[in-house]
Amino acid sequence: YPLNEDCLIIDVGSNDGTLLKCFKDFGYHNILGVDPVNDIAKEATQNGIPTITGYMNQETTDRILKEYGKADLVTAFNVYAHADDLSAMTQAIKNVLHIQGIFVFEVSYLLDVVQKMLIGTIFHEHLSYHSVKSIKQFLELNELELIHVERNPEQGGSIIGYVNYENALHKKKESVDLLLKTEKEFKLDKLETMKNLYNNLELVKNQVIALIADIKENKKSIAAYGAARSGTTLLSYFKIGKELKFIVDDNSKKHFKYSPGDKIQVLPKETIYNQKPDYLLILAWMHADSIIKNNPEYMKRGGKFIRLFPKVEIISNE
């Protein structure tokens, strides 16, 4: 989808402007971020990424059209999942999109959530989980067309969708129909599939509860690694928060605060060498591999990690 350096590029939910900076580094100078957090928007603007404060709604698009004109490219990465009025956001994006423009979004993919039982992706900020079938139909209701889809490993599994106006210049690629076929084969749109997800999650839950009960029966201690937002969901669903001594995290901004619900204190990583828990339950499930890799000393001293996904397993040097 060729763009010249004068094309207007808008990023919805632009945060500190990281994505737009990539475009700027490639020579695209006509860029604009939209983010509801005023301090972040100001910081991004000061760092050379023009950003306006606001949600992507009618008021914001009126301002954009008046001051900047139509956009040739609009991106919205991991924003759709957070929108409580998806239609209004989509209409706002459509309002600022040039008739031959491209809209690109990324969302967690429902097929990955179900196949991998990614309960950790489900938490208070995520209101939607998208399949290609559902997002295609939704976009058609808004007179837009899904023309290409890519699968990615981010967030445990996501899709990037490419969208333009119906009957616009760019034509649909076979990637859309291929994923629709995959979803149909997996029965992703059937209620029984969701019921099976619940039943499988209950099996994992019972495994985890039994494992922790066995650890406690053997007079061993257990703590957790990673004060991740998704960790709250895991602790709540598995009902195991009361069994954990503490949580360690690499982010100093989280230290000496407490987890929601179970009120477990978050401590510096060094705590695992001072208090020496026998097991560390990995709550930051997306970073399990790097957590294990970056903490070989813990396992050298006899410590064991518990990984929950894609299956419940104990990782140790034994």
C-alpha atoms as a PDB file:
ATOM      1  CA  TYR A   1       0.000   0.000   0.000  1.00  0.00           C
ATOM      2  CA  PRO A   2       2.278   2.778  -1.251  1.00  0.00           C
ATOM      3  CA  LEU A   3       2.456   6.033   0.711  1.00  0.00           C
ATOM      4  CA  ASN A   4       4.386   9.134  -0.179  1.00  0.00           C
ATOM      5  CA  GLU A   5       6.126  11.201   2.484  1.00  0.00           C
ATOM      6  CA  ASP A   6       3.339  13.809   2.514  1.00  0.00           C
ATOM      7  CA  CYS A   7       0.564  11.329   3.323  1.00  0.00           C
ATOM      8  CA  LEU A   8      -1.194  11.916   6.644  1.00  0.00           C
ATOM      9  CA  ILE A   9      -0.709   8.985   9.038  1.00  0.00           C
ATOM     10  CA  ILE A  10      -2.826   8.822  12.217  1.00  0.00           C
ATOM     11  CA  ASP A  11      -2.307   6.411  15.106  1.00  0.00           C
ATOM     12  CA  VAL A  12      -5.301   5.908  17.425  1.00  0.00           C
ATOM     13  CA  GLY A  13      -4.288   5.238  21.023  1.00  0.00           C
ATOM     14  CA  SER A  14      -0.793   6.420  20.154  1.00  0.00           C
ATOM     15  CA  ASN A  15       0.550   6.450  23.723  1.00  0.00           C
ATOM     16  CA  ASP A  16       4.095   7.891  23.716  1.00  0.00           C
ATOM     17  CA  GLY A  17       4.317   7.871  19.917  1.00  0.00           C
ATOM     18  CA  THR A  18       6.506   4.782  19.531  1.00  0.00           C
ATOM     19  CA  LEU A  19       4.750   3.513  16.404  1.00  0.00           C
ATOM     20  CA  LEU A  20       4.608   6.943  14.757  1.00  0.00           C
ATOM     21  CA  LYS A  21       8.299   7.463  15.475  1.00  0.00           C
ATOM     22  CA  CYS A  22       8.989   4.455  13.252  1.00  0.00           C
ATOM     23  CA  PHE A  23       7.130   6.162  10.409  1.00  0.00           C
ATOM     24  CA  LYS A  24       9.019   9.387  11.094  1.00  0.00           C
ATOM     25  CA  ASP A  25      12.340   7.541  10.993  1.00  0.00           C
ATOM     26  CA  PHE A  26      11.367   6.230   7.554  1.00  0.00           C
ATOM     27  CA  GLY A  27      10.793   9.763   6.279  1.00  0.00           C
ATOM     28  CA  TYR A  28       7.066  10.241   6.772  1.00  0.00           C
ATOM     29  CA  HIS A  29       6.770  13.676   8.359  1.00  0.00           C
ATOM     30  CA  ASN A  30       2.972  14.191   8.273  1.00  0.00           C
ATOM     31  CA  ILE A  31       2.065  12.144  11.358  1.00  0.00           C
ATOM     32  CA  LEU A  32      -0.486  12.585  14.124  1.00  0.00           C
ATOM     33  CA  GLY A  33      -1.201  10.690  17.339  1.00  0.00           C
ATOM     34  CA  VAL A  34      -4.514  10.546  19.208  1.00  0.00           C
ATOM     35  CA  ASP A  35      -4.474   9.558  22.869  1.00  0.00           C
ATOM     36  CA  PRO A  36      -6.851  10.291  25.781  1.00  0.00           C
ATOM     37  CA  VAL A  37      -4.077  10.741  28.366  1.00  0.00           C
ATOM     38  CA  ASN A  38      -3.100  14.412  28.410  1.00  0.00           C
ATOM     39  CA  ASP A  39       0.347  14.034  30.027  1.00  0.00           C
ATOM     40  CA  ILE A  40       1.399  11.315  27.583  1.00  0.00           C
ATOM     41  CA  ALA A  41       0.101  13.318  24.622  1.00  0.00           C
ATOM     42  CA  LYS A  42       2.086  16.355  25.751  1.00  0.00           C
ATOM     43  CA  GLU A  43       5.246  14.301  26.257  1.00  0.00           C
ATOM     44  CA  ALA A  44       4.929  12.723  22.801  1.00  0.00           C
ATOM     45  CA  THR A  45       4.447  16.147  21.207  1.00  0.00           C
ATOM     46  CA  GLN A  46       7.507  17.501  23.007  1.00  0.00           C
ATOM     47  CA  ASN A  47       9.458  14.515  21.647  1.00  0.00           C
ATOM     48  CA  GLY A  48       8.569  15.408  18.066  1.00  0.00           C
ATOM     49  CA  ILE A  49       5.433  13.275  17.623  1.00  0.00           C
ATOM     50  CA  PRO A  50       2.432  15.657  17.265  1.00  0.00           C
ATOM     51  CA  THR A  51      -0.350  14.230  19.429  1.00  0.00           C
ATOM     52  CA  ILE A  52      -3.802  15.525  20.299  1.00  0.00           C
ATOM     53  CA  THR A  53      -5.620  14.600  23.501  1.00  0.00           C
ATOM     54  CA  GLY A  54      -8.930  12.846  23.165  1.00  0.00           C
ATOM     55  CA  TYR A  55     -10.823   9.692  22.332  1.00  0.00           C
ATOM     56  CA  MET A  56     -11.423   8.783  18.713  1.00  0.00           C
ATOM     57  CA  ASN A  57     -14.920  10.241  18.446  1.00  0.00           C
ATOM     58  CA  GLN A  58     -16.876  12.833  16.458  1.00  0.00           C
ATOM     59  CA  GLU A  59     -15.377  15.762  18.349  1.00  0.00           C
ATOM     60  CA  THR A  60     -11.831  14.576  17.695  1.00  0.00           C
ATOM     61  CA  THR A  61     -12.456  13.855  14.022  1.00  0.00           C
ATOM     62  CA  ASP A  62     -13.991  17.299  13.498  1.00  0.00           C
ATOM     63  CA  ARG A  63     -10.779  18.802  14.842  1.00  0.00           C
ATOM     64  CA  ILE A  64      -8.581  16.527  12.730  1.00  0.00           C
ATOM     65  CA  LEU A  65     -10.478  17.303   9.511  1.00  0.00           C
ATOM     66  CA  LYS A  66     -10.319  21.034  10.217  1.00  0.00           C
ATOM     67  CA  GLU A  67      -6.625  21.170  11.120  1.00  0.00           C
ATOM     68  CA  TYR A  68      -5.088  18.246   9.196  1.00  0.00           C
ATOM     69  CA  GLY A  69      -7.490  16.953   6.558  1.00  0.00           C
ATOM     70  CA  LYS A  70      -8.107  13.324   5.530  1.00  0.00           C
ATOM     71  CA  ALA A  71      -5.715  10.531   6.479  1.00  0.00           C
ATOM     72  CA  ASP A  72      -4.174   8.085   4.001  1.00  0.00           C
ATOM     73  CA  LEU A  73      -3.402   5.613   6.778  1.00  0.00           C
ATOM     74  CA  VAL A  74      -5.027   5.119  10.185  1.00  0.00           C
ATOM     75  CA  THR A  75      -3.606   2.591  12.645  1.00  0.00           C
ATOM     76  CA  ALA A  76      -5.224   1.302  15.846  1.00  0.00           C
ATOM     77  CA  PHE A  77      -3.111  -1.338  17.573  1.00  0.00           C
ATOM     78  CA  ASN A  78      -4.662  -3.017  20.626  1.00  0.00           C
ATOM     79  CA  VAL A  79      -7.312  -0.309  20.876  1.00  0.00           C
ATOM     80  CA  TYR A  80     -10.383  -2.105  19.572  1.00  0.00           C
ATOM     81  CA  ALA A  81     -10.366  -4.469  22.543  1.00  0.00           C
ATOM     82  CA  HIS A  82     -10.659  -1.505  24.916  1.00  0.00           C
ATOM     83  CA  ALA A  83     -13.526   0.331  23.189  1.00  0.00           C
ATOM     84  CA  ASP A  84     -16.912   0.273  24.895  1.00  0.00           C
ATOM     85  CA  ASP A  85     -18.505   1.773  21.753  1.00  0.00           C
ATOM     86  CA  LEU A  86     -16.783   0.054  18.853  1.00  0.00           C
ATOM     87  CA  SER A  87     -19.209   1.442  16.279  1.00  0.00           C
ATOM     88  CA  ALA A  88     -18.594   5.046  17.300  1.00  0.00           C
ATOM     89  CA  MET A  89     -14.817   4.595  17.185  1.00  0.00           C
ATOM     90  CA  THR A  90     -15.015   2.908  13.787  1.00  0.00           C
ATOM     91  CA  GLN A  91     -17.252   5.619  12.371  1.00  0.00           C
ATOM     92  CA  ALA A  92     -14.803   8.243  13.662  1.00  0.00           C
ATOM     93  CA  ILE A  93     -11.914   6.443  11.937  1.00  0.00           C
ATOM     94  CA  LYS A  94     -13.976   6.197   8.761  1.00  0.00           C
ATOM     95  CA  ASN A  95     -14.716   9.943   8.923  1.00  0.00           C
ATOM     96  CA  VAL A  96     -11.035  10.872   8.755  1.00  0.00           C
ATOM     97  CA  LEU A  97      -9.983   8.139   6.311  1.00  0.00           C
ATOM     98  CA  HIS A  98      -9.393   9.149   2.693  1.00  0.00           C
ATOM     99  CA  ILE A  99     -11.668   7.355   0.214  1.00  0.00           C
ATOM    100  CA  GLN A 100      -8.659   5.334  -1.003  1.00  0.00           C
ATOM    101  CA  GLY A 101      -7.027   5.167   2.429  1.00  0.00           C
ATOM    102  CA  ILE A 102      -6.124   2.120   4.524  1.00  0.00           C
ATOM    103  CA  PHE A 103      -7.110   1.380   8.116  1.00  0.00           C
ATOM    104  CA  VAL A 104      -4.923  -1.150   9.984  1.00  0.00           C
ATOM    105  CA  PHE A 105      -5.810  -2.607  13.393  1.00  0.00           C
ATOM    106  CA  GLU A 106      -4.463  -5.286  15.729  1.00  0.00           C
ATOM    107  CA  VAL A 107      -6.556  -7.269  18.210  1.00  0.00           C
ATOM    108  CA  SER A 108      -6.210 -10.425  20.290  1.00  0.00           C
ATOM    109  CA  TYR A 109      -7.394 -13.340  18.175  1.00  0.00           C
ATOM    110  CA  LEU A 110     -10.258 -15.350  19.597  1.00  0.00           C
ATOM    111  CA  LEU A 111      -9.026 -18.514  17.905  1.00  0.00           C
ATOM    112  CA  ASP A 112      -5.728 -18.305  19.814  1.00  0.00           C
ATOM    113  CA  VAL A 113      -7.536 -17.502  23.073  1.00  0.00           C
ATOM    114  CA  VAL A 114      -9.660 -20.630  22.705  1.00  0.00           C
ATOM    115  CA  GLN A 115      -7.012 -23.002  21.322  1.00  0.00           C
ATOM    116  CA  LYS A 116      -4.353 -22.011  23.861  1.00  0.00           C
ATOM    117  CA  MET A 117      -6.779 -21.347  26.734  1.00  0.00           C
ATOM    118  CA  LEU A 118      -5.343 -17.872  27.196  1.00  0.00           C
ATOM    119  CA  ILE A 119      -7.376 -16.838  30.202  1.00  0.00           C
ATOM    120  CA  GLY A 120      -4.586 -14.405  31.049  1.00  0.00           C
ATOM    121  CA  THR A 121      -5.662 -12.184  28.142  1.00  0.00           C
ATOM    122  CA  ILE A 122      -9.031 -11.652  29.813  1.00  0.00           C
ATOM    123  CA  PHE A 123      -9.040  -8.762  32.255  1.00  0.00           C
ATOM    124  CA  HIS A 124     -10.874  -5.553  33.060  1.00  0.00           C
ATOM    125  CA  GLU A 125      -9.596  -3.436  30.150  1.00  0.00           C
ATOM    126  CA  HIS A 126     -10.404  -5.969  27.432  1.00  0.00           C
ATOM    127  CA  LEU A 127     -14.046  -5.738  26.395  1.00  0.00           C
ATOM    128  CA  SER A 128     -13.871  -7.601  23.082  1.00  0.00           C
ATOM    129  CA  TYR A 129     -12.214 -10.714  21.647  1.00  0.00           C
ATOM    130  CA  HIS A 130     -12.361 -10.857  17.875  1.00  0.00           C
ATOM    131  CA  SER A 131     -12.695 -13.552  15.266  1.00  0.00           C
ATOM    132  CA  VAL A 132     -12.237 -12.805  11.571  1.00  0.00           C
ATOM    133  CA  LYS A 133     -15.871 -13.728  10.952  1.00  0.00           C
ATOM    134  CA  SER A 134     -17.224 -11.315  13.542  1.00  0.00           C
ATOM    135  CA  ILE A 135     -14.923  -8.395  12.687  1.00  0.00           C
ATOM    136  CA  LYS A 136     -15.606  -8.850   8.951  1.00  0.00           C
ATOM    137  CA  GLN A 137     -19.356  -8.674   9.497  1.00  0.00           C
ATOM    138  CA  PHE A 138     -18.982  -5.717  11.850  1.00  0.00           C
ATOM    139  CA  LEU A 139     -16.903  -3.761   9.337  1.00  0.00           C
ATOM    140  CA  GLU A 140     -19.412  -4.492   6.564  1.00  0.00           C
ATOM    141  CA  LEU A 141     -22.151  -2.952   8.701  1.00  0.00           C
ATOM    142  CA  ASN A 142     -19.993   0.175   8.715  1.00  0.00           C
ATOM    143  CA  GLU A 143     -19.527   0.021   4.902  1.00  0.00           C
ATOM    144  CA  LEU A 144     -15.915  -1.040   5.235  1.00  0.00           C
ATOM    145  CA  GLU A 145     -14.174  -4.132   3.871  1.00  0.00           C
ATOM    146  CA  LEU A 146     -11.609  -6.403   5.505  1.00  0.00           C
ATOM    147  CA  ILE A 147      -9.112  -7.034   2.698  1.00  0.00           C
ATOM    148  CA  HIS A 148      -6.174  -8.782   4.388  1.00  0.00           C
ATOM    149  CA  VAL A 149      -5.407 -10.493   7.708  1.00  0.00           C
ATOM    150  CA  GLU A 150      -2.085 -11.504   9.277  1.00  0.00           C
ATOM    151  CA  ARG A 151      -1.622 -13.707  12.351  1.00  0.00           C
ATOM    152  CA  ASN A 152       1.026 -12.713  14.896  1.00  0.00           C
ATOM    153  CA  PRO A 153       2.360 -14.134  18.191  1.00  0.00           C
ATOM    154  CA  GLU A 154       1.820 -10.925  20.222  1.00  0.00           C
ATOM    155  CA  GLN A 155      -0.460 -11.128  23.283  1.00  0.00           C
ATOM    156  CA  GLY A 156      -0.368 -14.908  22.956  1.00  0.00           C
ATOM    157  CA  GLY A 157      -1.885 -14.612  19.488  1.00  0.00           C
ATOM    158  CA  SER A 158      -3.269 -11.662  17.573  1.00  0.00           C
ATOM    159  CA  ILE A 159      -4.438 -10.646  14.122  1.00  0.00           C
ATOM    160  CA  ILE A 160      -3.629  -7.542  12.112  1.00  0.00           C
ATOM    161  CA  GLY A 161      -6.474  -6.531   9.828  1.00  0.00           C
ATOM    162  CA  TYR A 162      -6.223  -4.278   6.769  1.00  0.00           C
ATOM    163  CA  VAL A 163      -9.385  -2.370   5.883  1.00  0.00           C
ATOM    164  CA  ASN A 164     -10.599   0.032   3.218  1.00  0.00           C
ATOM    165  CA  TYR A 165     -13.898   1.417   1.979  1.00  0.00           C
ATOM    166  CA  GLU A 166     -16.144  -1.056   0.181  1.00  0.00           C
ATOM    167  CA  ASN A 167     -15.288  -1.252  -3.536  1.00  0.00           C
ATOM    168  CA  ALA A 168     -12.157   0.842  -3.015  1.00  0.00           C
ATOM    169  CA  LEU A 169      -8.874   0.570  -4.894  1.00  0.00           C
ATOM    170  CA  HIS A 170      -7.396  -2.340  -2.920  1.00  0.00           C
ATOM    171  CA  LYS A 171      -8.959  -5.765  -3.392  1.00  0.00           C
ATOM    172  CA  LYS A 172      -9.418  -8.549  -0.840  1.00  0.00           C
ATOM    173  CA  LYS A 173      -6.595 -11.077  -0.540  1.00  0.00           C
ATOM    174  CA  GLU A 174      -7.071 -14.796   0.022  1.00  0.00           C
ATOM    175  CA  SER A 175      -5.840 -14.499   3.633  1.00  0.00           C
ATOM    176  CA  VAL A 176      -9.340 -13.458   4.755  1.00  0.00           C
ATOM    177  CA  ASP A 177     -11.090 -16.495   3.267  1.00  0.00           C
ATOM    178  CA  LEU A 178      -8.344 -18.836   4.500  1.00  0.00           C
ATOM    179  CA  LEU A 179      -8.834 -17.750   8.103  1.00  0.00           C
ATOM    180  CA  LEU A 180     -12.618 -17.860   7.739  1.00  0.00           C
ATOM    181  CA  LYS A 181     -12.216 -21.458   6.598  1.00  0.00           C
ATOM    182  CA  THR A 182      -9.948 -22.237   9.564  1.00  0.00           C
ATOM    183  CA  GLU A 183     -12.468 -20.742  11.989  1.00  0.00           C
ATOM    184  CA  LYS A 184     -15.288 -22.749  10.441  1.00  0.00           C
ATOM    185  CA  GLU A 185     -13.274 -25.980  10.724  1.00  0.00           C
ATOM    186  CA  PHE A 186     -12.586 -25.218  14.392  1.00  0.00           C
ATOM    187  CA  LYS A 187     -16.284 -24.304  14.966  1.00  0.00           C
ATOM    188  CA  LEU A 188     -15.220 -20.988  16.461  1.00  0.00           C
ATOM    189  CA  ASP A 189     -18.709 -19.535  16.006  1.00  0.00           C
ATOM    190  CA  LYS A 190     -20.438 -22.401  17.848  1.00  0.00           C
ATOM    191  CA  LEU A 191     -21.525 -22.244  21.479  1.00  0.00           C
ATOM    192  CA  GLU A 192     -20.189 -25.752  22.095  1.00  0.00           C
ATOM    193  CA  THR A 193     -16.657 -24.487  21.403  1.00  0.00           C
ATOM    194  CA  MET A 194     -16.939 -21.916  24.180  1.00  0.00           C
ATOM    195  CA  LYS A 195     -18.386 -24.518  26.525  1.00  0.00           C
ATOM    196  CA  ASN A 196     -15.429 -26.769  25.767  1.00  0.00           C
ATOM    197  CA  LEU A 197     -13.075 -23.879  26.568  1.00  0.00           C
ATOM    198  CA  TYR A 198     -14.722 -23.535  29.965  1.00  0.00           C
ATOM    199  CA  ASN A 199     -14.491 -27.279  30.646  1.00  0.00           C
ATOM    200  CA  ASN A 200     -10.805 -27.352  29.676  1.00  0.00           C
ATOM    201  CA  LEU A 201     -10.059 -24.350  31.865  1.00  0.00           C
ATOM    202  CA  GLU A 202     -11.743 -26.089  34.776  1.00  0.00           C
ATOM    203  CA  LEU A 203      -9.428 -29.066  34.249  1.00  0.00           C
ATOM    204  CA  VAL A 204      -6.380 -26.772  34.334  1.00  0.00           C
ATOM    205  CA  LYS A 205      -7.767 -25.029  37.409  1.00  0.00           C
ATOM    206  CA  ASN A 206      -8.153 -28.342  39.232  1.00  0.00           C
ATOM    207  CA  GLN A 207      -4.607 -29.325  38.203  1.00  0.00           C
ATOM    208  CA  VAL A 208      -3.192 -26.104  39.633  1.00  0.00           C
ATOM    209  CA  ILE A 209      -5.160 -26.382  42.864  1.00  0.00           C
ATOM    210  CA  ALA A 210      -4.030 -29.995  43.314  1.00  0.00           C
ATOM    211  CA  LEU A 211      -0.409 -29.097  42.567  1.00  0.00           C
ATOM    212  CA  ILE A 212      -0.367 -26.282  45.112  1.00  0.00           C
ATOM    213  CA  ALA A 213      -2.093 -28.465  47.699  1.00  0.00           C
ATOM    214  CA  ASP A 214       0.641 -31.071  47.171  1.00  0.00           C
ATOM    215  CA  ILE A 215       3.343 -28.401  47.556  1.00  0.00           C
ATOM    216  CA  LYS A 216       1.796 -27.237  50.810  1.00  0.00           C
ATOM    217  CA  GLU A 217       1.373 -30.771  52.102  1.00  0.00           C
ATOM    218  CA  ASN A 218       5.098 -31.296  51.593  1.00  0.00           C
ATOM    219  CA  LYS A 219       5.796 -28.172  53.691  1.00  0.00           C
ATOM    220  CA  LYS A 220       7.192 -26.274  50.709  1.00  0.00           C
ATOM    221  CA  SER A 221       6.718 -22.551  50.099  1.00  0.00           C
ATOM    222  CA  ILE A 222       5.392 -20.846  46.988  1.00  0.00           C
ATOM    223  CA  ALA A 223       5.555 -17.266  45.719  1.00  0.00           C
ATOM    224  CA  ALA A 224       4.852 -15.721  42.302  1.00  0.00           C
ATOM    225  CA  TYR A 225       6.831 -13.961  39.596  1.00  0.00           C
ATOM    226  CA  GLY A 226       5.376 -11.058  37.624  1.00  0.00           C
ATOM    227  CA  ALA A 227       2.863  -8.525  38.927  1.00  0.00           C
ATOM    228  CA  ALA A 228       1.182  -8.562  35.524  1.00  0.00           C
ATOM    229  CA  ARG A 229      -2.289  -7.202  34.887  1.00  0.00           C
ATOM    230  CA  SER A 230      -3.288 -10.641  33.607  1.00  0.00           C
ATOM    231  CA  GLY A 231      -2.019 -12.211  36.823  1.00  0.00           C
ATOM    232  CA  THR A 232      -4.994 -10.842  38.724  1.00  0.00           C
ATOM    233  CA  THR A 233      -7.328 -12.822  36.463  1.00  0.00           C
ATOM    234  CA  LEU A 234      -5.307 -16.001  36.961  1.00  0.00           C
ATOM    235  CA  LEU A 235      -5.273 -15.671  40.750  1.00  0.00           C
ATOM    236  CA  SER A 236      -8.975 -14.890  40.875  1.00  0.00           C
ATOM    237  CA  TYR A 237     -10.007 -17.722  38.571  1.00  0.00           C
ATOM    238  CA  PHE A 238      -7.777 -20.339  40.195  1.00  0.00           C
ATOM    239  CA  LYS A 239      -8.563 -19.056  43.723  1.00  0.00           C
ATOM    240  CA  ILE A 240      -4.961 -19.559  44.869  1.00  0.00           C
ATOM    241  CA  GLY A 241      -3.916 -16.061  45.958  1.00  0.00           C
ATOM    242  CA  LYS A 242      -4.023 -16.944  49.651  1.00  0.00           C
ATOM    243  CA  GLU A 243      -1.381 -19.634  49.076  1.00  0.00           C
ATOM    244  CA  LEU A 244       1.280 -17.223  47.776  1.00  0.00           C
ATOM    245  CA  LYS A 245       3.790 -15.621  50.151  1.00  0.00           C
ATOM    246  CA  PHE A 246       4.550 -12.669  47.874  1.00  0.00           C
ATOM    247  CA  ILE A 247       4.998 -11.599  44.254  1.00  0.00           C
ATOM    248  CA  VAL A 248       8.303 -10.415  42.786  1.00  0.00           C
ATOM    249  CA  ASP A 249       8.570  -8.134  39.783  1.00  0.00           C
ATOM    250  CA  ASP A 250      11.374  -6.527  37.777  1.00  0.00           C
ATOM    251  CA  ASN A 251       9.585  -3.168  37.624  1.00  0.00           C
ATOM    252  CA  SER A 252      10.590  -1.017  40.595  1.00  0.00           C
ATOM    253  CA  LYS A 253       7.428   1.095  40.211  1.00  0.00           C
ATOM    254  CA  LYS A 254       5.384  -1.890  41.356  1.00  0.00           C
ATOM    255  CA  HIS A 255       7.478  -2.684  44.423  1.00  0.00           C
ATOM    256  CA  PHE A 256       5.816  -2.533  47.853  1.00  0.00           C
ATOM    257  CA  LYS A 257       2.385  -2.193  46.340  1.00  0.00           C
ATOM    258  CA  TYR A 258      -0.297  -4.882  46.528  1.00  0.00           C
ATOM    259  CA  SER A 259      -2.183  -7.005  44.019  1.00  0.00           C
ATOM    260  CA  PRO A 260      -5.904  -6.293  43.537  1.00  0.00           C
ATOM    261  CA  GLY A 261      -8.253  -8.644  45.331  1.00  0.00           C
ATOM    262  CA  ASP A 262      -5.831 -10.874  47.218  1.00  0.00           C
ATOM    263  CA  LYS A 263      -3.642  -7.977  48.443  1.00  0.00           C
ATOM    264  CA  ILE A 264      -0.364  -9.823  47.910  1.00  0.00           C
ATOM    265  CA  GLN A 265       2.680  -7.603  48.338  1.00  0.00           C
ATOM    266  CA  VAL A 266       4.920  -7.020  45.327  1.00  0.00           C
ATOM    267  CA  LEU A 267       8.623  -7.115  46.184  1.00  0.00           C
ATOM    268  CA  PRO A 268      11.986  -6.749  44.364  1.00  0.00           C
ATOM    269  CA  LYS A 269      13.369  -9.798  42.592  1.00  0.00           C
ATOM    270  CA  GLU A 270      16.167 -10.127  45.148  1.00  0.00           C
ATOM    271  CA  THR A 271      13.530 -11.315  47.625  1.00  0.00           C
ATOM    272  CA  ILE A 272      13.562 -14.780  46.082  1.00  0.00           C
ATOM    273  CA  TYR A 273      17.182 -15.188  47.244  1.00  0.00           C
ATOM    274  CA  ASN A 274      16.471 -13.785  50.706  1.00  0.00           C
ATOM    275  CA  GLN A 275      13.267 -15.665  51.474  1.00  0.00           C
ATOM    276  CA  LYS A 276      14.052 -18.636  49.204  1.00  0.00           C
ATOM    277  CA  PRO A 277      10.602 -19.853  48.115  1.00  0.00           C
ATOM    278  CA  ASP A 278      10.701 -23.431  46.853  1.00  0.00           C
ATOM    279  CA  TYR A 279       8.409 -22.622  43.926  1.00  0.00           C
ATOM    280  CA  LEU A 280       7.674 -19.537  41.824  1.00  0.00           C
ATOM    281  CA  LEU A 281       4.362 -19.445  39.986  1.00  0.00           C
ATOM    282  CA  ILE A 282       4.778 -17.402  36.796  1.00  0.00           C
ATOM    283  CA  LEU A 283       1.893 -14.924  36.591  1.00  0.00           C
ATOM    284  CA  ALA A 284       3.388 -12.938  33.712  1.00  0.00           C
ATOM    285  CA  TRP A 285       2.586 -15.877  31.451  1.00  0.00           C
ATOM    286  CA  MET A 286       3.526 -14.109  28.195  1.00  0.00           C
ATOM    287  CA  HIS A 287       7.073 -13.639  29.481  1.00  0.00           C
ATOM    288  CA  ALA A 288       7.528 -17.106  30.983  1.00  0.00           C
ATOM    289  CA  ASP A 289      10.398 -18.089  28.694  1.00  0.00           C
ATOM    290  CA  SER A 290      12.412 -14.927  29.373  1.00  0.00           C
ATOM    291  CA  ILE A 291      11.715 -15.098  33.124  1.00  0.00           C
ATOM    292  CA  ILE A 292      13.074 -18.658  33.274  1.00  0.00           C
ATOM    293  CA  LYS A 293      16.023 -17.793  31.047  1.00  0.00           C
ATOM    294  CA  ASN A 294      16.954 -14.674  33.029  1.00  0.00           C
ATOM    295  CA  ASN A 295      16.861 -16.357  36.435  1.00  0.00           C
ATOM    296  CA  PRO A 296      19.143 -19.403  36.188  1.00  0.00           C
ATOM    297  CA  GLU A 297      20.591 -18.744  39.651  1.00  0.00           C
ATOM    298  CA  TYR A 298      17.199 -19.359  41.265  1.00  0.00           C
ATOM    299  CA  MET A 299      17.047 -22.851  39.747  1.00  0.00           C
ATOM    300  CA  LYS A 300      20.733 -23.506  40.508  1.00  0.00           C
ATOM    301  CA  ARG A 301      19.843 -23.016  44.164  1.00  0.00           C
ATOM    302  CA  GLY A 302      17.074 -25.580  43.897  1.00  0.00           C
ATOM    303  CA  GLY A 303      14.139 -23.326  43.068  1.00  0.00           C
ATOM    304  CA  LYS A 304      11.412 -24.443  40.683  1.00  0.00           C
ATOM    305  CA  PHE A 305       9.190 -22.448  38.330  1.00  0.00           C
ATOM    306  CA  ILE A 306       5.565 -23.315  37.681  1.00  0.00           C
ATOM    307  CA  ARG A 307       4.375 -22.473  34.176  1.00  0.00           C
ATOM    308  CA  LEU A 308       0.616 -22.435  33.558  1.00  0.00           C
ATOM    309  CA  PHE A 309       0.403 -22.126  29.762  1.00  0.00           C
ATOM    310  CA  PRO A 310       0.267 -23.772  27.315  1.00  0.00           C
ATOM    311  CA  LYS A 311       0.177 -26.507  29.965  1.00  0.00           C
ATOM    312  CA  VAL A 312       0.799 -26.788  33.685  1.00  0.00           C
ATOM    313  CA  GLU A 313       4.401 -27.848  34.229  1.00  0.00           C
ATOM    314  CA  ILE A 314       7.250 -27.546  36.719  1.00  0.00           C
ATOM    315  CA  ILE A 315      10.560 -26.200  35.375  1.00  0.00           C
ATOM    316  CA  SER A 316      13.704 -27.040  37.339  1.00  0.00           C
ATOM    317  CA  ASN A 317      17.313 -28.192  37.024  1.00  0.00           C
ATOM    318  CA  GLU A 318      16.441 -31.640  38.288  1.00  0.00           C
END
